[in-house]
């Protein structure tokens, strides 16, 4: 993101978002390297004092005379010898920090860093970035990425959480490619698992089911925990046949998993409702969140039919798979 883009974004935010950040917010002090010679480890010769014994006030500080001959200066003084590919200017550093702060809605701090970047950009040659500043930016980026990942993941199963699902449903536009499928998955008789084997076993079951649901998902597909023992498979860019195949394969993997290896006598199955829509069908398209409600209705049909089944719609007819000898409703 360019400096101007971040600045425009910050200035466009409403008033409350421009308040000063809390005192605990980490900041990165920015200084011109020439003002912090100790940071760059540049050797500096001590001043030469020429004193006159007869006059105590005649002492004067004489700077070291420039050397025109002899060996070249040490490598620490030659700031440009490390290679342009490895060096990052202070302008780029300020812009990077501004982008991170803007992503946290800390617009005032982001503006200050952009202001410094703009001022430095007017210099003929921007000074090199001290190593400690580059490490600080790397740390900020890492912490930002970790915080972002934790905010969209379910703590128990490590699948995406409801917040991420709601965000994706809102961002999803009209179905692209072959369409969009939303599958709602519910564990059958899960309360009995908790009551019979305990909640620790129930937690292991949830984690294992998520692993099985995420096997062989199509590109851009993901699994999110909807709540309790319910999960959503969001499958963009797939046709109806592929969506039903993915859901049926997931149902079969859960049914066939050796659950007795976790605890003797344990058996787990799932029921799934699959709702699919495509822009090529000519039918009136619904929003993805409404499509999720349609999947919920089909899940209810799968439950009513005896569980351990996948329910989907073909035209005006509801069909079931994974449920032998059951007639469509």
C-alpha atoms as a PDB file:
ATOM      1  CA  UNK A   1       0.000   0.000   0.000  1.00  0.00           C
ATOM      2  CA  UNK A   2       1.481   3.338  -0.978  1.00  0.00           C
ATOM      3  CA  UNK A   3       1.984   6.175   1.487  1.00  0.00           C
ATOM      4  CA  UNK A   4      -0.689   8.298  -0.174  1.00  0.00           C
ATOM      5  CA  UNK A   5      -3.218   5.441  -0.112  1.00  0.00           C
ATOM      6  CA  UNK A   6      -2.686   4.831   3.606  1.00  0.00           C
ATOM      7  CA  UNK A   7      -2.868   8.545   4.323  1.00  0.00           C
ATOM      8  CA  UNK A   8      -6.133   8.895   2.364  1.00  0.00           C
ATOM      9  CA  UNK A   9      -7.599   5.918   4.160  1.00  0.00           C
ATOM     10  CA  UNK A  10      -6.700   7.344   7.566  1.00  0.00           C
ATOM     11  CA  UNK A  11      -8.081  10.796   6.799  1.00  0.00           C
ATOM     12  CA  UNK A  12     -11.344   9.267   5.581  1.00  0.00           C
ATOM     13  CA  UNK A  13     -12.014   7.574   8.902  1.00  0.00           C
ATOM     14  CA  UNK A  14     -14.572   9.098  11.323  1.00  0.00           C
ATOM     15  CA  UNK A  15     -13.530  11.169  14.309  1.00  0.00           C
ATOM     16  CA  UNK A  16     -13.443   8.536  17.080  1.00  0.00           C
ATOM     17  CA  UNK A  17     -10.991   6.380  15.154  1.00  0.00           C
ATOM     18  CA  UNK A  18      -8.435   9.233  15.155  1.00  0.00           C
ATOM     19  CA  UNK A  19      -8.023   9.355  18.914  1.00  0.00           C
ATOM     20  CA  UNK A  20      -4.589   8.906  20.383  1.00  0.00           C
ATOM     21  CA  UNK A  21      -3.737   5.251  21.024  1.00  0.00           C
ATOM     22  CA  UNK A  22      -3.436   3.965  24.585  1.00  0.00           C
ATOM     23  CA  UNK A  23      -0.177   4.535  26.366  1.00  0.00           C
ATOM     24  CA  UNK A  24       0.635   0.812  26.255  1.00  0.00           C
ATOM     25  CA  UNK A  25       0.742   0.723  22.443  1.00  0.00           C
ATOM     26  CA  UNK A  26       4.337  -0.036  21.300  1.00  0.00           C
ATOM     27  CA  UNK A  27       5.912   2.745  19.272  1.00  0.00           C
ATOM     28  CA  UNK A  28       9.046   2.835  17.186  1.00  0.00           C
ATOM     29  CA  UNK A  29      11.236   5.903  17.774  1.00  0.00           C
ATOM     30  CA  UNK A  30      12.455   7.218  14.436  1.00  0.00           C
ATOM     31  CA  UNK A  31      15.630   9.256  14.228  1.00  0.00           C
ATOM     32  CA  UNK A  32      17.992  10.246  11.481  1.00  0.00           C
ATOM     33  CA  UNK A  33      20.973   7.857  11.587  1.00  0.00           C
ATOM     34  CA  UNK A  34      23.394  10.783  11.676  1.00  0.00           C
ATOM     35  CA  UNK A  35      21.918  11.675  15.062  1.00  0.00           C
ATOM     36  CA  UNK A  36      22.477   8.190  16.433  1.00  0.00           C
ATOM     37  CA  UNK A  37      26.032   7.241  15.480  1.00  0.00           C
ATOM     38  CA  UNK A  38      26.102   4.626  18.233  1.00  0.00           C
ATOM     39  CA  UNK A  39      23.236   2.784  16.493  1.00  0.00           C
ATOM     40  CA  UNK A  40      25.193   2.483  13.249  1.00  0.00           C
ATOM     41  CA  UNK A  41      28.412   1.534  15.045  1.00  0.00           C
ATOM     42  CA  UNK A  42      30.307   4.237  13.120  1.00  0.00           C
ATOM     43  CA  UNK A  43      33.721   4.820  14.714  1.00  0.00           C
ATOM     44  CA  UNK A  44      34.102   8.467  15.693  1.00  0.00           C
ATOM     45  CA  UNK A  45      37.527   9.905  16.528  1.00  0.00           C
ATOM     46  CA  UNK A  46      37.689  11.839  19.810  1.00  0.00           C
ATOM     47  CA  UNK A  47      38.131  15.600  19.501  1.00  0.00           C
ATOM     48  CA  UNK A  48      41.672  16.961  19.646  1.00  0.00           C
ATOM     49  CA  UNK A  49      42.143  19.479  22.431  1.00  0.00           C
ATOM     50  CA  UNK A  50      44.904  22.005  21.919  1.00  0.00           C
ATOM     51  CA  UNK A  51      45.564  23.749  25.210  1.00  0.00           C
ATOM     52  CA  UNK A  52      47.951  26.571  25.982  1.00  0.00           C
ATOM     53  CA  UNK A  53      49.599  26.213  29.410  1.00  0.00           C
ATOM     54  CA  UNK A  54      49.918  29.943  29.948  1.00  0.00           C
ATOM     55  CA  UNK A  55      46.206  30.611  29.390  1.00  0.00           C
ATOM     56  CA  UNK A  56      43.578  28.288  30.966  1.00  0.00           C
ATOM     57  CA  UNK A  57      40.854  29.781  28.783  1.00  0.00           C
ATOM     58  CA  UNK A  58      42.660  29.265  25.536  1.00  0.00           C
ATOM     59  CA  UNK A  59      41.611  25.635  25.129  1.00  0.00           C
ATOM     60  CA  UNK A  60      39.923  25.022  21.800  1.00  0.00           C
ATOM     61  CA  UNK A  61      38.405  21.946  20.153  1.00  0.00           C
ATOM     62  CA  UNK A  62      39.972  21.209  16.807  1.00  0.00           C
ATOM     63  CA  UNK A  63      38.156  18.637  14.607  1.00  0.00           C
ATOM     64  CA  UNK A  64      40.309  15.871  13.119  1.00  0.00           C
ATOM     65  CA  UNK A  65      41.846  16.828   9.802  1.00  0.00           C
ATOM     66  CA  UNK A  66      40.463  14.995   6.771  1.00  0.00           C
ATOM     67  CA  UNK A  67      42.676  12.246   5.394  1.00  0.00           C
ATOM     68  CA  UNK A  68      43.175  12.363   1.620  1.00  0.00           C
ATOM     69  CA  UNK A  69      45.669   9.520   1.271  1.00  0.00           C
ATOM     70  CA  UNK A  70      46.104   6.115   2.786  1.00  0.00           C
ATOM     71  CA  UNK A  71      43.848   3.045   3.029  1.00  0.00           C
ATOM     72  CA  UNK A  72      40.074   3.362   2.567  1.00  0.00           C
ATOM     73  CA  UNK A  73      37.797   3.987   5.510  1.00  0.00           C
ATOM     74  CA  UNK A  74      36.584   0.996   7.574  1.00  0.00           C
ATOM     75  CA  UNK A  75      33.583  -0.966   6.333  1.00  0.00           C
ATOM     76  CA  UNK A  76      31.465   0.401   9.191  1.00  0.00           C
ATOM     77  CA  UNK A  77      31.845   3.895   7.776  1.00  0.00           C
ATOM     78  CA  UNK A  78      31.044   2.902   4.213  1.00  0.00           C
ATOM     79  CA  UNK A  79      27.282   2.611   4.656  1.00  0.00           C
ATOM     80  CA  UNK A  80      26.608   1.779   1.019  1.00  0.00           C
ATOM     81  CA  UNK A  81      28.805  -1.337   0.765  1.00  0.00           C
ATOM     82  CA  UNK A  82      26.180  -3.862   1.965  1.00  0.00           C
ATOM     83  CA  UNK A  83      24.263  -3.934  -1.286  1.00  0.00           C
ATOM     84  CA  UNK A  84      21.179  -2.024  -2.310  1.00  0.00           C
ATOM     85  CA  UNK A  85      19.073  -5.215  -2.403  1.00  0.00           C
ATOM     86  CA  UNK A  86      19.564  -5.759   1.326  1.00  0.00           C
ATOM     87  CA  UNK A  87      19.218  -2.155   2.471  1.00  0.00           C
ATOM     88  CA  UNK A  88      15.857  -0.588   3.163  1.00  0.00           C
ATOM     89  CA  UNK A  89      15.510   3.172   3.267  1.00  0.00           C
ATOM     90  CA  UNK A  90      13.928   4.972   6.149  1.00  0.00           C
ATOM     91  CA  UNK A  91      11.208   6.122   3.775  1.00  0.00           C
ATOM     92  CA  UNK A  92      10.157   2.511   3.140  1.00  0.00           C
ATOM     93  CA  UNK A  93      10.423   1.740   6.849  1.00  0.00           C
ATOM     94  CA  UNK A  94       8.109   4.607   7.805  1.00  0.00           C
ATOM     95  CA  UNK A  95       5.622   3.533   5.121  1.00  0.00           C
ATOM     96  CA  UNK A  96       5.661  -0.078   6.380  1.00  0.00           C
ATOM     97  CA  UNK A  97       5.011   0.973   9.958  1.00  0.00           C
ATOM     98  CA  UNK A  98       2.268   3.342   8.797  1.00  0.00           C
ATOM     99  CA  UNK A  99       0.572   0.488   6.944  1.00  0.00           C
ATOM    100  CA  UNK A 100       0.673  -1.746  10.043  1.00  0.00           C
ATOM    101  CA  UNK A 101      -0.714   1.014  12.266  1.00  0.00           C
ATOM    102  CA  UNK A 102      -3.444   1.812   9.749  1.00  0.00           C
ATOM    103  CA  UNK A 103      -4.515  -1.835   9.729  1.00  0.00           C
ATOM    104  CA  UNK A 104      -5.062  -1.455  13.485  1.00  0.00           C
ATOM    105  CA  UNK A 105      -7.047   1.766  12.958  1.00  0.00           C
ATOM    106  CA  UNK A 106      -4.344   3.794  14.688  1.00  0.00           C
ATOM    107  CA  UNK A 107      -4.598   6.580  12.166  1.00  0.00           C
ATOM    108  CA  UNK A 108      -2.830   9.336  14.086  1.00  0.00           C
ATOM    109  CA  UNK A 109       0.353   7.296  14.531  1.00  0.00           C
ATOM    110  CA  UNK A 110       0.160   6.150  10.910  1.00  0.00           C
ATOM    111  CA  UNK A 111      -0.117   9.777   9.794  1.00  0.00           C
ATOM    112  CA  UNK A 112       2.963  10.749  11.786  1.00  0.00           C
ATOM    113  CA  UNK A 113       5.049   8.006  10.141  1.00  0.00           C
ATOM    114  CA  UNK A 114       3.804   9.032   6.700  1.00  0.00           C
ATOM    115  CA  UNK A 115       4.709  12.632   7.468  1.00  0.00           C
ATOM    116  CA  UNK A 116       8.253  11.547   8.339  1.00  0.00           C
ATOM    117  CA  UNK A 117       8.413   9.433   5.170  1.00  0.00           C
ATOM    118  CA  UNK A 118       7.312  12.381   3.056  1.00  0.00           C
ATOM    119  CA  UNK A 119       9.925  14.623   4.630  1.00  0.00           C
ATOM    120  CA  UNK A 120      12.681  12.082   4.079  1.00  0.00           C
ATOM    121  CA  UNK A 121      11.593  11.525   0.484  1.00  0.00           C
ATOM    122  CA  UNK A 122      12.603  15.094  -0.322  1.00  0.00           C
ATOM    123  CA  UNK A 123      16.228  14.330   0.581  1.00  0.00           C
ATOM    124  CA  UNK A 124      18.456  13.548  -2.382  1.00  0.00           C
ATOM    125  CA  UNK A 125      19.471  10.248  -0.868  1.00  0.00           C
ATOM    126  CA  UNK A 126      17.575   8.742   2.025  1.00  0.00           C
ATOM    127  CA  UNK A 127      19.772   7.354   4.792  1.00  0.00           C
ATOM    128  CA  UNK A 128      20.036   3.648   5.428  1.00  0.00           C
ATOM    129  CA  UNK A 129      17.882   1.938   8.044  1.00  0.00           C
ATOM    130  CA  UNK A 130      19.550   0.759  11.245  1.00  0.00           C
ATOM    131  CA  UNK A 131      19.260  -2.975  11.784  1.00  0.00           C
ATOM    132  CA  UNK A 132      17.305  -2.562  15.015  1.00  0.00           C
ATOM    133  CA  UNK A 133      14.534  -0.715  13.143  1.00  0.00           C
ATOM    134  CA  UNK A 134      14.241  -3.430  10.530  1.00  0.00           C
ATOM    135  CA  UNK A 135      13.992  -6.038  13.281  1.00  0.00           C
ATOM    136  CA  UNK A 136      11.295  -3.964  14.986  1.00  0.00           C
ATOM    137  CA  UNK A 137       9.245  -3.792  11.790  1.00  0.00           C
ATOM    138  CA  UNK A 138       9.608  -7.536  11.303  1.00  0.00           C
ATOM    139  CA  UNK A 139       8.407  -8.097  14.867  1.00  0.00           C
ATOM    140  CA  UNK A 140       5.396  -5.820  14.373  1.00  0.00           C
ATOM    141  CA  UNK A 141       4.442  -7.609  11.179  1.00  0.00           C
ATOM    142  CA  UNK A 142       4.777 -11.009  12.838  1.00  0.00           C
ATOM    143  CA  UNK A 143       2.654  -9.992  15.812  1.00  0.00           C
ATOM    144  CA  UNK A 144       0.043  -8.479  13.522  1.00  0.00           C
ATOM    145  CA  UNK A 145      -0.161 -11.690  11.458  1.00  0.00           C
ATOM    146  CA  UNK A 146      -0.408 -13.845  14.594  1.00  0.00           C
ATOM    147  CA  UNK A 147      -3.129 -11.674  16.086  1.00  0.00           C
ATOM    148  CA  UNK A 148      -5.070 -11.744  12.835  1.00  0.00           C
ATOM    149  CA  UNK A 149      -4.823 -15.533  12.607  1.00  0.00           C
ATOM    150  CA  UNK A 150      -5.915 -16.019  16.216  1.00  0.00           C
ATOM    151  CA  UNK A 151      -8.920 -13.756  15.707  1.00  0.00           C
ATOM    152  CA  UNK A 152     -10.331 -15.915  12.885  1.00  0.00           C
ATOM    153  CA  UNK A 153      -9.550 -19.400  14.243  1.00  0.00           C
ATOM    154  CA  UNK A 154     -11.584 -21.590  16.580  1.00  0.00           C
ATOM    155  CA  UNK A 155      -9.578 -22.257  19.736  1.00  0.00           C
ATOM    156  CA  UNK A 156     -10.664 -25.901  20.094  1.00  0.00           C
ATOM    157  CA  UNK A 157     -10.631 -27.272  16.549  1.00  0.00           C
ATOM    158  CA  UNK A 158      -8.279 -24.783  14.803  1.00  0.00           C
ATOM    159  CA  UNK A 159     -10.827 -24.455  11.999  1.00  0.00           C
ATOM    160  CA  UNK A 160     -12.054 -21.042  10.993  1.00  0.00           C
ATOM    161  CA  UNK A 161     -14.542 -19.527  13.431  1.00  0.00           C
ATOM    162  CA  UNK A 162     -17.959 -17.919  13.091  1.00  0.00           C
ATOM    163  CA  UNK A 163     -16.456 -14.437  12.751  1.00  0.00           C
ATOM    164  CA  UNK A 164     -14.461 -15.473   9.693  1.00  0.00           C
ATOM    165  CA  UNK A 165     -17.465 -17.265   8.204  1.00  0.00           C
ATOM    166  CA  UNK A 166     -19.715 -14.226   8.606  1.00  0.00           C
ATOM    167  CA  UNK A 167     -17.047 -12.027   7.037  1.00  0.00           C
ATOM    168  CA  UNK A 168     -16.704 -14.322   4.028  1.00  0.00           C
ATOM    169  CA  UNK A 169     -20.472 -14.555   3.598  1.00  0.00           C
ATOM    170  CA  UNK A 170     -20.687 -10.763   3.512  1.00  0.00           C
ATOM    171  CA  UNK A 171     -17.777 -10.426   1.090  1.00  0.00           C
ATOM    172  CA  UNK A 172     -19.005 -13.129  -1.255  1.00  0.00           C
ATOM    173  CA  UNK A 173     -20.631 -11.579  -4.307  1.00  0.00           C
ATOM    174  CA  UNK A 174     -22.477 -13.343  -7.075  1.00  0.00           C
ATOM    175  CA  UNK A 175     -21.388 -16.958  -7.630  1.00  0.00           C
ATOM    176  CA  UNK A 176     -18.377 -17.161  -9.930  1.00  0.00           C
ATOM    177  CA  UNK A 177     -17.323 -20.032 -12.157  1.00  0.00           C
ATOM    178  CA  UNK A 178     -19.701 -22.959 -11.724  1.00  0.00           C
ATOM    179  CA  UNK A 179     -21.421 -21.483  -8.686  1.00  0.00           C
ATOM    180  CA  UNK A 180     -21.309 -21.455  -4.908  1.00  0.00           C
ATOM    181  CA  UNK A 181     -22.155 -24.314  -2.547  1.00  0.00           C
ATOM    182  CA  UNK A 182     -22.731 -24.051   1.194  1.00  0.00           C
ATOM    183  CA  UNK A 183     -22.895 -27.280   3.215  1.00  0.00           C
ATOM    184  CA  UNK A 184     -24.057 -27.312   6.837  1.00  0.00           C
ATOM    185  CA  UNK A 185     -22.702 -30.297   8.807  1.00  0.00           C
ATOM    186  CA  UNK A 186     -24.037 -31.498  12.163  1.00  0.00           C
ATOM    187  CA  UNK A 187     -22.762 -34.365  14.318  1.00  0.00           C
ATOM    188  CA  UNK A 188     -25.461 -36.974  15.011  1.00  0.00           C
ATOM    189  CA  UNK A 189     -26.319 -37.657  18.648  1.00  0.00           C
ATOM    190  CA  UNK A 190     -23.312 -35.676  19.857  1.00  0.00           C
ATOM    191  CA  UNK A 191     -24.907 -35.005  23.239  1.00  0.00           C
ATOM    192  CA  UNK A 192     -24.887 -38.753  23.841  1.00  0.00           C
ATOM    193  CA  UNK A 193     -21.139 -38.781  23.174  1.00  0.00           C
ATOM    194  CA  UNK A 194     -20.559 -36.135  25.847  1.00  0.00           C
ATOM    195  CA  UNK A 195     -22.954 -37.773  28.315  1.00  0.00           C
ATOM    196  CA  UNK A 196     -21.554 -41.271  27.806  1.00  0.00           C
ATOM    197  CA  UNK A 197     -17.816 -40.697  27.347  1.00  0.00           C
ATOM    198  CA  UNK A 198     -17.265 -37.238  28.819  1.00  0.00           C
ATOM    199  CA  UNK A 199     -16.487 -33.821  27.385  1.00  0.00           C
ATOM    200  CA  UNK A 200     -12.784 -34.546  26.911  1.00  0.00           C
ATOM    201  CA  UNK A 201     -13.679 -37.331  24.500  1.00  0.00           C
ATOM    202  CA  UNK A 202     -16.229 -35.026  22.921  1.00  0.00           C
ATOM    203  CA  UNK A 203     -13.507 -32.427  22.289  1.00  0.00           C
ATOM    204  CA  UNK A 204     -11.313 -35.062  20.637  1.00  0.00           C
ATOM    205  CA  UNK A 205     -14.230 -36.077  18.443  1.00  0.00           C
ATOM    206  CA  UNK A 206     -14.774 -32.481  17.301  1.00  0.00           C
ATOM    207  CA  UNK A 207     -11.111 -32.046  16.417  1.00  0.00           C
ATOM    208  CA  UNK A 208     -11.037 -35.319  14.504  1.00  0.00           C
ATOM    209  CA  UNK A 209     -14.225 -34.509  12.595  1.00  0.00           C
ATOM    210  CA  UNK A 210     -12.725 -31.192  11.468  1.00  0.00           C
ATOM    211  CA  UNK A 211      -9.653 -33.000  10.139  1.00  0.00           C
ATOM    212  CA  UNK A 212     -11.887 -35.364   8.184  1.00  0.00           C
ATOM    213  CA  UNK A 213     -14.054 -32.557   6.808  1.00  0.00           C
ATOM    214  CA  UNK A 214     -11.040 -30.628   5.525  1.00  0.00           C
ATOM    215  CA  UNK A 215      -9.645 -33.515   3.469  1.00  0.00           C
ATOM    216  CA  UNK A 216      -9.608 -32.855  -0.297  1.00  0.00           C
ATOM    217  CA  UNK A 217     -11.556 -29.613  -0.193  1.00  0.00           C
ATOM    218  CA  UNK A 218     -11.567 -27.836  -3.569  1.00  0.00           C
ATOM    219  CA  UNK A 219      -9.480 -24.729  -4.142  1.00  0.00           C
ATOM    220  CA  UNK A 220     -10.750 -21.752  -2.089  1.00  0.00           C
ATOM    221  CA  UNK A 221     -12.979 -24.067  -0.064  1.00  0.00           C
ATOM    222  CA  UNK A 222     -12.758 -23.960   3.721  1.00  0.00           C
ATOM    223  CA  UNK A 223     -14.311 -25.353   6.888  1.00  0.00           C
ATOM    224  CA  UNK A 224     -15.613 -23.124   9.689  1.00  0.00           C
ATOM    225  CA  UNK A 225     -17.159 -23.927  13.045  1.00  0.00           C
ATOM    226  CA  UNK A 226     -20.699 -22.582  13.003  1.00  0.00           C
ATOM    227  CA  UNK A 227     -21.407 -23.282  16.659  1.00  0.00           C
ATOM    228  CA  UNK A 228     -21.368 -26.254  19.037  1.00  0.00           C
ATOM    229  CA  UNK A 229     -21.169 -29.406  16.921  1.00  0.00           C
ATOM    230  CA  UNK A 230     -22.166 -27.683  13.663  1.00  0.00           C
ATOM    231  CA  UNK A 231     -19.697 -26.834  10.894  1.00  0.00           C
ATOM    232  CA  UNK A 232     -19.961 -25.134   7.507  1.00  0.00           C
ATOM    233  CA  UNK A 233     -18.172 -26.131   4.320  1.00  0.00           C
ATOM    234  CA  UNK A 234     -18.060 -23.146   1.974  1.00  0.00           C
ATOM    235  CA  UNK A 235     -17.259 -24.245  -1.580  1.00  0.00           C
ATOM    236  CA  UNK A 236     -16.965 -21.401  -4.106  1.00  0.00           C
ATOM    237  CA  UNK A 237     -16.464 -22.067  -7.809  1.00  0.00           C
ATOM    238  CA  UNK A 238     -17.917 -25.612  -7.890  1.00  0.00           C
ATOM    239  CA  UNK A 239     -20.933 -27.053  -9.670  1.00  0.00           C
ATOM    240  CA  UNK A 240     -23.767 -28.861  -7.894  1.00  0.00           C
ATOM    241  CA  UNK A 241     -22.456 -32.333  -8.715  1.00  0.00           C
ATOM    242  CA  UNK A 242     -19.013 -31.562  -7.274  1.00  0.00           C
ATOM    243  CA  UNK A 243     -20.510 -30.057  -4.131  1.00  0.00           C
ATOM    244  CA  UNK A 244     -22.632 -33.174  -3.484  1.00  0.00           C
ATOM    245  CA  UNK A 245     -19.604 -35.416  -4.121  1.00  0.00           C
ATOM    246  CA  UNK A 246     -17.493 -33.447  -1.618  1.00  0.00           C
ATOM    247  CA  UNK A 247     -20.234 -33.595   1.027  1.00  0.00           C
ATOM    248  CA  UNK A 248     -20.881 -37.316   0.527  1.00  0.00           C
ATOM    249  CA  UNK A 249     -17.153 -38.094   0.716  1.00  0.00           C
ATOM    250  CA  UNK A 250     -16.912 -36.170   3.997  1.00  0.00           C
ATOM    251  CA  UNK A 251     -19.917 -38.029   5.427  1.00  0.00           C
ATOM    252  CA  UNK A 252     -18.412 -41.390   4.449  1.00  0.00           C
ATOM    253  CA  UNK A 253     -14.992 -40.548   5.965  1.00  0.00           C
ATOM    254  CA  UNK A 254     -16.600 -39.716   9.304  1.00  0.00           C
ATOM    255  CA  UNK A 255     -18.695 -42.899   9.280  1.00  0.00           C
ATOM    256  CA  UNK A 256     -15.751 -45.128   8.359  1.00  0.00           C
ATOM    257  CA  UNK A 257     -13.206 -43.627  10.761  1.00  0.00           C
ATOM    258  CA  UNK A 258     -12.070 -46.123  13.473  1.00  0.00           C
ATOM    259  CA  UNK A 259     -13.575 -44.241  16.400  1.00  0.00           C
ATOM    260  CA  UNK A 260     -12.949 -47.180  18.734  1.00  0.00           C
ATOM    261  CA  UNK A 261      -9.254 -46.207  18.708  1.00  0.00           C
ATOM    262  CA  UNK A 262     -10.239 -43.157  20.773  1.00  0.00           C
ATOM    263  CA  UNK A 263     -12.487 -45.063  23.170  1.00  0.00           C
ATOM    264  CA  UNK A 264     -14.188 -48.422  22.933  1.00  0.00           C
ATOM    265  CA  UNK A 265     -17.797 -48.401  21.780  1.00  0.00           C
ATOM    266  CA  UNK A 266     -17.623 -44.917  20.268  1.00  0.00           C
ATOM    267  CA  UNK A 267     -19.382 -44.334  16.940  1.00  0.00           C
ATOM    268  CA  UNK A 268     -19.804 -40.993  15.187  1.00  0.00           C
ATOM    269  CA  UNK A 269     -21.760 -39.979  12.085  1.00  0.00           C
ATOM    270  CA  UNK A 270     -22.783 -36.667  10.550  1.00  0.00           C
ATOM    271  CA  UNK A 271     -25.754 -35.295   8.617  1.00  0.00           C
ATOM    272  CA  UNK A 272     -25.260 -32.655   5.913  1.00  0.00           C
ATOM    273  CA  UNK A 273     -27.472 -30.236   4.040  1.00  0.00           C
ATOM    274  CA  UNK A 274     -26.063 -28.849   0.762  1.00  0.00           C
ATOM    275  CA  UNK A 275     -27.404 -25.692  -0.925  1.00  0.00           C
ATOM    276  CA  UNK A 276     -26.009 -24.736  -4.339  1.00  0.00           C
ATOM    277  CA  UNK A 277     -26.696 -21.851  -6.686  1.00  0.00           C
ATOM    278  CA  UNK A 278     -25.190 -20.706  -9.977  1.00  0.00           C
ATOM    279  CA  UNK A 279     -25.532 -17.566 -12.042  1.00  0.00           C
ATOM    280  CA  UNK A 280     -25.986 -19.697 -15.194  1.00  0.00           C
ATOM    281  CA  UNK A 281     -29.257 -21.306 -14.093  1.00  0.00           C
ATOM    282  CA  UNK A 282     -31.329 -18.182 -14.673  1.00  0.00           C
ATOM    283  CA  UNK A 283     -32.920 -18.570 -11.243  1.00  0.00           C
ATOM    284  CA  UNK A 284     -33.161 -15.704  -8.796  1.00  0.00           C
ATOM    285  CA  UNK A 285     -29.949 -15.628  -6.756  1.00  0.00           C
ATOM    286  CA  UNK A 286     -30.018 -15.375  -2.978  1.00  0.00           C
ATOM    287  CA  UNK A 287     -27.427 -13.892  -0.670  1.00  0.00           C
ATOM    288  CA  UNK A 288     -24.887 -16.360   0.759  1.00  0.00           C
ATOM    289  CA  UNK A 289     -26.327 -15.944   4.261  1.00  0.00           C
ATOM    290  CA  UNK A 290     -29.780 -16.869   2.919  1.00  0.00           C
ATOM    291  CA  UNK A 291     -28.210 -19.788   1.118  1.00  0.00           C
ATOM    292  CA  UNK A 292     -26.873 -20.966   4.480  1.00  0.00           C
ATOM    293  CA  UNK A 293     -30.439 -20.956   5.811  1.00  0.00           C
ATOM    294  CA  UNK A 294     -31.485 -23.118   2.857  1.00  0.00           C
ATOM    295  CA  UNK A 295     -28.705 -25.546   3.778  1.00  0.00           C
ATOM    296  CA  UNK A 296     -30.045 -25.574   7.333  1.00  0.00           C
ATOM    297  CA  UNK A 297     -33.469 -26.620   6.039  1.00  0.00           C
ATOM    298  CA  UNK A 298     -31.910 -29.435   4.024  1.00  0.00           C
ATOM    299  CA  UNK A 299     -29.924 -30.516   7.082  1.00  0.00           C
ATOM    300  CA  UNK A 300     -33.209 -30.839   8.967  1.00  0.00           C
ATOM    301  CA  UNK A 301     -34.469 -33.105   6.173  1.00  0.00           C
ATOM    302  CA  UNK A 302     -31.369 -35.298   6.506  1.00  0.00           C
ATOM    303  CA  UNK A 303     -31.922 -35.539  10.256  1.00  0.00           C
ATOM    304  CA  UNK A 304     -35.586 -36.412   9.852  1.00  0.00           C
ATOM    305  CA  UNK A 305     -34.750 -39.134   7.347  1.00  0.00           C
ATOM    306  CA  UNK A 306     -32.701 -41.022   9.912  1.00  0.00           C
ATOM    307  CA  UNK A 307     -29.371 -39.139  10.086  1.00  0.00           C
ATOM    308  CA  UNK A 308     -26.011 -40.096   8.561  1.00  0.00           C
ATOM    309  CA  UNK A 309     -27.163 -38.678   5.212  1.00  0.00           C
ATOM    310  CA  UNK A 310     -26.598 -35.815   2.751  1.00  0.00           C
ATOM    311  CA  UNK A 311     -29.668 -33.882   1.629  1.00  0.00           C
ATOM    312  CA  UNK A 312     -29.648 -31.681  -1.467  1.00  0.00           C
ATOM    313  CA  UNK A 313     -32.115 -30.269  -3.958  1.00  0.00           C
ATOM    314  CA  UNK A 314     -32.476 -31.021  -7.659  1.00  0.00           C
ATOM    315  CA  UNK A 315     -35.007 -28.599  -9.067  1.00  0.00           C
ATOM    316  CA  UNK A 316     -37.980 -28.748  -6.736  1.00  0.00           C
ATOM    317  CA  UNK A 317     -37.102 -32.226  -5.462  1.00  0.00           C
ATOM    318  CA  UNK A 318     -35.075 -32.982  -2.318  1.00  0.00           C
ATOM    319  CA  UNK A 319     -32.828 -36.023  -2.577  1.00  0.00           C
ATOM    320  CA  UNK A 320     -30.701 -37.971  -0.134  1.00  0.00           C
ATOM    321  CA  UNK A 321     -27.371 -39.746  -0.481  1.00  0.00           C
ATOM    322  CA  UNK A 322     -25.613 -42.030   1.949  1.00  0.00           C
ATOM    323  CA  UNK A 323     -28.957 -43.341   3.149  1.00  0.00           C
ATOM    324  CA  UNK A 324     -29.832 -46.692   1.511  1.00  0.00           C
ATOM    325  CA  UNK A 325     -33.458 -47.539   0.802  1.00  0.00           C
ATOM    326  CA  UNK A 326     -34.644 -43.983   1.564  1.00  0.00           C
ATOM    327  CA  UNK A 327     -36.944 -42.308  -0.863  1.00  0.00           C
ATOM    328  CA  UNK A 328     -36.613 -38.670  -1.892  1.00  0.00           C
ATOM    329  CA  UNK A 329     -38.987 -36.298  -0.166  1.00  0.00           C
END
